[in-house]
Amino acid sequence: MGTDRSYFPVTKFSIEQSDGITCISEYLRQRTVDVFGVANEMRVIHNFVNCDIYRPQEGKRNEEKSLVHISNSAR
């Protein structure tokens, strides 16, 4: 999808109407600003997980709920 012109109007509308926008890098944040011309705040959350720190604990069941978002956009 990205900067494909056929998706431009719906992508720009979606970004402008979102309550929160995240990007995986400063480069992609800046490209979004440059391409779509939106002024909404965008937070950079790097696409990184330290598996030495974040891993399931053996034998322990966690009752807390988790929210996970995984996505991929191909050009």
N, C-alpha and C. Protein backbone atom coordinates (compact mmCIF):
# COMPACT_ATOMS: atom_id res chain seq x y z
N MET A 1 0.85 -1.17 0.00
CA MET A 1 0.00 0.00 0.00
C MET A 1 0.90 1.24 0.00
N GLY A 2 1.44 1.62 1.12
CA GLY A 2 2.40 2.73 1.19
C GLY A 2 1.95 3.97 0.45
N THR A 3 2.72 4.36 -0.55
CA THR A 3 2.43 5.59 -1.29
C THR A 3 1.73 5.32 -2.61
N ASP A 4 1.18 4.14 -2.81
CA ASP A 4 0.40 3.83 -4.02
C ASP A 4 -0.71 4.87 -4.15
N ARG A 5 -0.73 5.61 -5.25
CA ARG A 5 -1.66 6.72 -5.43
C ARG A 5 -3.13 6.30 -5.32
N SER A 6 -3.45 5.06 -5.69
CA SER A 6 -4.85 4.63 -5.63
C SER A 6 -5.35 4.53 -4.18
N TYR A 7 -4.44 4.36 -3.23
CA TYR A 7 -4.81 4.27 -1.81
C TYR A 7 -4.65 5.60 -1.08
N PHE A 8 -4.10 6.59 -1.76
CA PHE A 8 -3.75 7.86 -1.11
C PHE A 8 -4.92 8.49 -0.35
N PRO A 9 -6.09 8.70 -0.97
CA PRO A 9 -7.18 9.37 -0.24
C PRO A 9 -7.62 8.63 1.03
N VAL A 10 -7.79 7.33 0.95
CA VAL A 10 -8.26 6.58 2.12
C VAL A 10 -7.17 6.49 3.19
N THR A 11 -5.92 6.40 2.77
CA THR A 11 -4.82 6.35 3.74
C THR A 11 -4.69 7.68 4.46
N LYS A 12 -4.72 8.78 3.72
CA LYS A 12 -4.63 10.11 4.32
C LYS A 12 -5.80 10.34 5.28
N PHE A 13 -7.01 10.00 4.86
CA PHE A 13 -8.19 10.15 5.71
C PHE A 13 -8.03 9.34 6.99
N SER A 14 -7.59 8.09 6.85
CA SER A 14 -7.43 7.21 8.02
C SER A 14 -6.41 7.76 9.00
N ILE A 15 -5.30 8.27 8.49
CA ILE A 15 -4.27 8.84 9.36
C ILE A 15 -4.83 10.06 10.08
N GLU A 16 -5.49 10.94 9.34
CA GLU A 16 -6.00 12.18 9.94
C GLU A 16 -7.11 11.94 10.96
N GLN A 17 -7.85 10.86 10.82
CA GLN A 17 -8.96 10.57 11.72
C GLN A 17 -8.57 9.67 12.89
N SER A 18 -7.33 9.21 12.92
CA SER A 18 -6.88 8.29 13.97
C SER A 18 -6.61 9.03 15.27
N ASP A 19 -6.92 8.37 16.39
CA ASP A 19 -6.63 8.92 17.71
C ASP A 19 -5.17 8.75 18.09
N GLY A 20 -4.51 7.77 17.51
CA GLY A 20 -3.11 7.52 17.80
C GLY A 20 -2.43 6.91 16.59
N ILE A 21 -1.23 7.39 16.30
CA ILE A 21 -0.48 6.90 15.14
C ILE A 21 0.91 6.52 15.60
N THR A 22 1.34 5.32 15.22
CA THR A 22 2.70 4.88 15.53
C THR A 22 3.43 4.53 14.26
N CYS A 23 4.73 4.70 14.30
CA CYS A 23 5.63 4.34 13.20
C CYS A 23 6.78 3.54 13.79
N ILE A 24 7.39 2.67 12.99
CA ILE A 24 8.48 1.85 13.52
C ILE A 24 9.85 2.52 13.42
N SER A 25 9.92 3.69 12.77
CA SER A 25 11.20 4.40 12.68
C SER A 25 10.94 5.88 12.46
N GLU A 26 11.94 6.68 12.77
CA GLU A 26 11.85 8.13 12.50
C GLU A 26 11.75 8.37 11.00
N TYR A 27 12.44 7.55 10.22
CA TYR A 27 12.38 7.69 8.76
C TYR A 27 10.94 7.53 8.27
N LEU A 28 10.24 6.48 8.72
CA LEU A 28 8.87 6.27 8.27
C LEU A 28 7.92 7.34 8.82
N ARG A 29 8.19 7.85 10.01
CA ARG A 29 7.39 8.95 10.53
C ARG A 29 7.52 10.17 9.62
N GLN A 30 8.76 10.50 9.27
CA GLN A 30 9.00 11.67 8.43
C GLN A 30 8.44 11.47 7.02
N ARG A 31 8.57 10.27 6.47
CA ARG A 31 8.00 9.98 5.14
C ARG A 31 6.48 10.15 5.15
N THR A 32 5.83 9.72 6.24
CA THR A 32 4.38 9.87 6.36
C THR A 32 4.01 11.34 6.36
N VAL A 33 4.75 12.15 7.09
CA VAL A 33 4.51 13.59 7.11
C VAL A 33 4.72 14.18 5.70
N ASP A 34 5.83 13.81 5.07
CA ASP A 34 6.16 14.36 3.75
C ASP A 34 5.16 13.95 2.67
N VAL A 35 4.78 12.68 2.65
CA VAL A 35 3.92 12.15 1.58
C VAL A 35 2.46 12.56 1.78
N PHE A 36 1.97 12.43 3.01
CA PHE A 36 0.54 12.65 3.26
C PHE A 36 0.23 14.04 3.81
N GLY A 37 1.25 14.78 4.22
CA GLY A 37 1.05 16.14 4.68
C GLY A 37 0.16 16.27 5.91
N VAL A 38 0.23 15.29 6.79
CA VAL A 38 -0.60 15.34 7.99
C VAL A 38 0.18 15.96 9.15
N ALA A 39 -0.54 16.63 10.03
CA ALA A 39 0.09 17.29 11.17
C ALA A 39 -0.12 16.53 12.47
N ASN A 40 -0.85 15.41 12.41
CA ASN A 40 -1.11 14.62 13.62
C ASN A 40 0.21 14.18 14.26
N GLU A 41 0.19 14.10 15.59
CA GLU A 41 1.35 13.58 16.29
C GLU A 41 1.52 12.10 15.96
N MET A 42 2.73 11.69 15.69
CA MET A 42 3.05 10.28 15.44
C MET A 42 4.18 9.88 16.36
N ARG A 43 4.00 8.78 17.07
CA ARG A 43 5.03 8.29 17.99
C ARG A 43 5.82 7.16 17.33
N VAL A 44 7.12 7.21 17.49
CA VAL A 44 7.98 6.16 16.97
C VAL A 44 8.12 5.09 18.05
N ILE A 45 7.72 3.88 17.70
CA ILE A 45 7.93 2.71 18.55
C ILE A 45 8.71 1.73 17.71
N HIS A 46 9.98 1.62 18.02
CA HIS A 46 10.86 0.79 17.20
C HIS A 46 10.42 -0.67 17.18
N ASN A 47 10.58 -1.28 16.04
CA ASN A 47 10.19 -2.66 15.82
C ASN A 47 11.26 -3.58 16.40
N PHE A 48 11.23 -3.75 17.73
CA PHE A 48 12.28 -4.50 18.40
C PHE A 48 11.75 -5.14 19.67
N VAL A 49 12.11 -6.36 19.88
CA VAL A 49 11.79 -7.05 21.12
C VAL A 49 13.06 -7.76 21.60
N ASN A 50 13.46 -7.51 22.83
CA ASN A 50 14.62 -8.16 23.41
C ASN A 50 14.14 -9.49 24.01
N CYS A 51 14.39 -10.57 23.29
CA CYS A 51 13.90 -11.89 23.71
C CYS A 51 14.61 -12.42 24.95
N ASP A 52 15.73 -11.80 25.34
CA ASP A 52 16.38 -12.19 26.60
C ASP A 52 15.59 -11.67 27.80
N ILE A 53 14.87 -10.58 27.60
CA ILE A 53 14.08 -9.98 28.68
C ILE A 53 12.63 -10.43 28.60
N TYR A 54 12.05 -10.38 27.41
CA TYR A 54 10.63 -10.67 27.23
C TYR A 54 10.43 -12.07 26.69
N ARG A 55 10.13 -12.98 27.59
CA ARG A 55 9.87 -14.38 27.22
C ARG A 55 8.92 -14.98 28.24
N PRO A 56 8.19 -15.99 27.85
CA PRO A 56 7.27 -16.63 28.81
C PRO A 56 8.04 -17.24 29.98
N GLN A 57 7.47 -17.13 31.15
CA GLN A 57 8.08 -17.75 32.31
C GLN A 57 7.59 -19.19 32.39
N GLU A 58 8.52 -20.11 32.51
CA GLU A 58 8.17 -21.52 32.56
C GLU A 58 7.30 -21.83 33.78
N GLY A 59 6.24 -22.58 33.56
CA GLY A 59 5.39 -23.03 34.64
C GLY A 59 4.48 -21.97 35.24
N LYS A 60 4.48 -20.78 34.70
CA LYS A 60 3.64 -19.72 35.26
C LYS A 60 2.58 -19.31 34.23
N ARG A 61 1.34 -19.32 34.67
CA ARG A 61 0.25 -18.89 33.81
C ARG A 61 -0.08 -17.44 34.17
N ASN A 62 -0.04 -16.59 33.20
CA ASN A 62 -0.31 -15.17 33.42
C ASN A 62 -1.78 -14.90 33.16
N GLU A 63 -2.48 -14.37 34.14
CA GLU A 63 -3.91 -14.08 34.01
C GLU A 63 -4.17 -12.72 33.36
N GLU A 64 -3.13 -11.92 33.20
CA GLU A 64 -3.31 -10.62 32.55
C GLU A 64 -3.57 -10.80 31.07
N LYS A 65 -4.36 -9.90 30.50
CA LYS A 65 -4.62 -9.91 29.07
C LYS A 65 -3.52 -9.14 28.36
N SER A 66 -3.23 -9.55 27.14
CA SER A 66 -2.23 -8.87 26.32
C SER A 66 -2.87 -8.40 25.03
N LEU A 67 -2.40 -7.29 24.53
CA LEU A 67 -2.83 -6.78 23.24
C LEU A 67 -1.62 -6.81 22.34
N VAL A 68 -1.75 -7.47 21.20
CA VAL A 68 -0.64 -7.59 20.27
C VAL A 68 -1.09 -7.14 18.90
N HIS A 69 -0.25 -6.38 18.22
CA HIS A 69 -0.53 -5.94 16.85
C HIS A 69 0.66 -6.35 15.99
N ILE A 70 0.38 -7.08 14.94
CA ILE A 70 1.43 -7.48 14.01
C ILE A 70 0.92 -7.14 12.62
N SER A 71 1.77 -6.47 11.84
CA SER A 71 1.33 -6.12 10.49
C SER A 71 2.52 -6.06 9.55
N ASN A 72 2.19 -6.06 8.29
CA ASN A 72 3.21 -5.96 7.26
C ASN A 72 2.55 -5.31 6.04
N SER A 73 3.18 -4.32 5.50
CA SER A 73 2.68 -3.67 4.28
C SER A 73 3.71 -3.87 3.19
N ALA A 74 3.30 -4.49 2.12
CA ALA A 74 4.20 -4.72 0.98
C ALA A 74 3.89 -3.70 -0.11
N ARG A 75 4.86 -3.33 -0.83
CA ARG A 75 4.65 -2.40 -1.94
C ARG A 75 4.25 -3.13 -3.17
